[in-house]
Amino acid sequence: MRRIIVIQQKLLFTKQDELGLVLVGTDDTDNALAAEDPGSYEHVTVLQQLQKPDLKMLETIKSATAAAAAAAAHSGGRAAALETEGDSTAH
């Protein structure tokens, strides 16, 4: 619930921040690092690329399951998040 409040605050008060959503511990694997190196960074899903937060992102976060996020392999999730950040700054 706290995460949703942070997103709501960013929507209302900050126009320059960007947010992304990376789920770890998911059944599926969907991230750039896993595509580059098959067998690595499994069960990590980039649900939302870095972007300025909007209502669609808020709805995406609300519908994401807490169970998938709680079962995280933290190092894989962090690496995928950093890769997502690198992809965003390269454009």
C-alpha atoms as a PDB file:
ATOM      1  CA  MET A   1       0.000   0.000   0.000  1.00  0.00           C
ATOM      2  CA  ARG A   2       2.857   2.390   0.802  1.00  0.00           C
ATOM      3  CA  ARG A   3       4.221   1.997  -2.738  1.00  0.00           C
ATOM      4  CA  ILE A   4       0.906   3.089  -4.193  1.00  0.00           C
ATOM      5  CA  ILE A   5       0.914   6.193  -2.001  1.00  0.00           C
ATOM      6  CA  VAL A   6       4.420   7.074  -3.248  1.00  0.00           C
ATOM      7  CA  ILE A   7       3.253   6.724  -6.866  1.00  0.00           C
ATOM      8  CA  GLN A   8       0.211   8.891  -6.158  1.00  0.00           C
ATOM      9  CA  GLN A   9       2.458  11.570  -4.642  1.00  0.00           C
ATOM     10  CA  LYS A  10       4.758  11.466  -7.664  1.00  0.00           C
ATOM     11  CA  LEU A  11       1.757  11.832  -9.981  1.00  0.00           C
ATOM     12  CA  LEU A  12       0.553  14.876  -8.101  1.00  0.00           C
ATOM     13  CA  PHE A  13       3.729  16.688  -7.122  1.00  0.00           C
ATOM     14  CA  THR A  14       6.732  15.762  -9.288  1.00  0.00           C
ATOM     15  CA  LYS A  15       6.744  16.031 -13.045  1.00  0.00           C
ATOM     16  CA  GLN A  16      10.376  15.032 -13.740  1.00  0.00           C
ATOM     17  CA  ASP A  17      10.705  11.742 -11.831  1.00  0.00           C
ATOM     18  CA  GLU A  18      10.599   8.454 -13.686  1.00  0.00           C
ATOM     19  CA  LEU A  19       9.536   5.119 -12.257  1.00  0.00           C
ATOM     20  CA  GLY A  20       9.650   1.555 -13.460  1.00  0.00           C
ATOM     21  CA  LEU A  21       8.232  -1.678 -12.110  1.00  0.00           C
ATOM     22  CA  VAL A  22      10.336  -4.848 -11.891  1.00  0.00           C
ATOM     23  CA  LEU A  23       8.835  -7.972 -10.325  1.00  0.00           C
ATOM     24  CA  VAL A  24      11.094 -10.697  -8.992  1.00  0.00           C
ATOM     25  CA  GLY A  25      10.035 -14.219  -8.156  1.00  0.00           C
ATOM     26  CA  THR A  26       7.499 -14.356 -10.980  1.00  0.00           C
ATOM     27  CA  ASP A  27       6.549 -17.564 -12.787  1.00  0.00           C
ATOM     28  CA  ASP A  28       7.621 -16.057 -16.106  1.00  0.00           C
ATOM     29  CA  THR A  29      10.826 -14.332 -17.176  1.00  0.00           C
ATOM     30  CA  ASP A  30      10.675 -11.111 -19.192  1.00  0.00           C
ATOM     31  CA  ASN A  31      13.732  -8.852 -18.993  1.00  0.00           C
ATOM     32  CA  ALA A  32      16.556  -7.730 -21.282  1.00  0.00           C
ATOM     33  CA  LEU A  33      19.309  -9.467 -19.314  1.00  0.00           C
ATOM     34  CA  ALA A  34      17.609 -12.853 -19.566  1.00  0.00           C
ATOM     35  CA  ALA A  35      17.173 -12.351 -23.311  1.00  0.00           C
ATOM     36  CA  GLU A  36      20.895 -11.585 -23.688  1.00  0.00           C
ATOM     37  CA  ASP A  37      22.053 -14.460 -21.459  1.00  0.00           C
ATOM     38  CA  PRO A  38      19.543 -17.341 -21.530  1.00  0.00           C
ATOM     39  CA  GLY A  39      19.289 -19.133 -18.205  1.00  0.00           C
ATOM     40  CA  SER A  40      20.158 -16.052 -16.168  1.00  0.00           C
ATOM     41  CA  TYR A  41      17.873 -13.577 -14.414  1.00  0.00           C
ATOM     42  CA  GLU A  42      15.017 -16.051 -14.494  1.00  0.00           C
ATOM     43  CA  HIS A  43      11.727 -15.261 -12.771  1.00  0.00           C
ATOM     44  CA  VAL A  44      12.339 -11.518 -13.160  1.00  0.00           C
ATOM     45  CA  THR A  45       9.733  -9.555 -15.113  1.00  0.00           C
ATOM     46  CA  VAL A  46      10.014  -5.926 -16.175  1.00  0.00           C
ATOM     47  CA  LEU A  47       6.363  -4.996 -15.930  1.00  0.00           C
ATOM     48  CA  GLN A  48       6.768  -1.290 -16.629  1.00  0.00           C
ATOM     49  CA  GLN A  49       9.761   0.434 -18.243  1.00  0.00           C
ATOM     50  CA  LEU A  50      11.087   3.652 -16.771  1.00  0.00           C
ATOM     51  CA  GLN A  51       8.715   6.482 -17.550  1.00  0.00           C
ATOM     52  CA  LYS A  52       7.014   9.421 -15.943  1.00  0.00           C
ATOM     53  CA  PRO A  53       4.313   7.995 -13.686  1.00  0.00           C
ATOM     54  CA  ASP A  54       0.735   8.109 -14.880  1.00  0.00           C
ATOM     55  CA  LEU A  55      -2.605   6.620 -13.938  1.00  0.00           C
ATOM     56  CA  LYS A  56      -1.979   3.537 -16.068  1.00  0.00           C
ATOM     57  CA  MET A  57       1.173   2.820 -14.053  1.00  0.00           C
ATOM     58  CA  LEU A  58      -0.762   3.219 -10.825  1.00  0.00           C
ATOM     59  CA  GLU A  59      -3.335   0.692 -12.038  1.00  0.00           C
ATOM     60  CA  THR A  60      -0.555  -1.684 -13.116  1.00  0.00           C
ATOM     61  CA  ILE A  61       1.002  -1.503  -9.670  1.00  0.00           C
ATOM     62  CA  LYS A  62      -2.347  -2.059  -7.970  1.00  0.00           C
ATOM     63  CA  SER A  63      -2.972  -5.188 -10.037  1.00  0.00           C
ATOM     64  CA  ALA A  64       0.526  -6.660  -9.600  1.00  0.00           C
ATOM     65  CA  THR A  65       0.585  -9.484  -7.097  1.00  0.00           C
ATOM     66  CA  ALA A  66       2.462  -9.066  -3.839  1.00  0.00           C
ATOM     67  CA  ALA A  67       3.311 -12.767  -3.808  1.00  0.00           C
ATOM     68  CA  ALA A  68       5.446 -12.475  -6.954  1.00  0.00           C
ATOM     69  CA  ALA A  69       7.357  -9.522  -5.553  1.00  0.00           C
ATOM     70  CA  ALA A  70       7.883 -11.151  -2.141  1.00  0.00           C
ATOM     71  CA  ALA A  71       9.467 -14.292  -3.603  1.00  0.00           C
ATOM     72  CA  ALA A  72      12.262 -12.174  -5.074  1.00  0.00           C
ATOM     73  CA  ALA A  73      15.805 -13.050  -5.856  1.00  0.00           C
ATOM     74  CA  HIS A  74      16.930  -9.555  -4.920  1.00  0.00           C
ATOM     75  CA  SER A  75      20.210  -9.482  -6.816  1.00  0.00           C
ATOM     76  CA  GLY A  76      18.547 -10.508 -10.088  1.00  0.00           C
ATOM     77  CA  GLY A  77      15.800  -7.937  -9.604  1.00  0.00           C
ATOM     78  CA  ARG A  78      18.291  -5.166  -8.917  1.00  0.00           C
ATOM     79  CA  ALA A  79      20.421  -6.046 -11.949  1.00  0.00           C
ATOM     80  CA  ALA A  80      17.372  -6.091 -14.224  1.00  0.00           C
ATOM     81  CA  ALA A  81      16.236  -2.749 -12.783  1.00  0.00           C
ATOM     82  CA  LEU A  82      19.666  -1.241 -13.424  1.00  0.00           C
ATOM     83  CA  GLU A  83      19.619  -2.606 -16.976  1.00  0.00           C
ATOM     84  CA  THR A  84      16.204  -0.995 -17.486  1.00  0.00           C
ATOM     85  CA  GLU A  85      17.624   2.312 -16.248  1.00  0.00           C
ATOM     86  CA  GLY A  86      20.549   1.986 -18.673  1.00  0.00           C
ATOM     87  CA  ASP A  87      18.185   1.312 -21.576  1.00  0.00           C
ATOM     88  CA  SER A  88      16.202   4.443 -20.730  1.00  0.00           C
ATOM     89  CA  THR A  89      19.216   6.756 -20.513  1.00  0.00           C
ATOM     90  CA  ALA A  90      20.691   5.473 -23.770  1.00  0.00           C
ATOM     91  CA  HIS A  91      17.821   6.915 -25.845  1.00  0.00           C
END
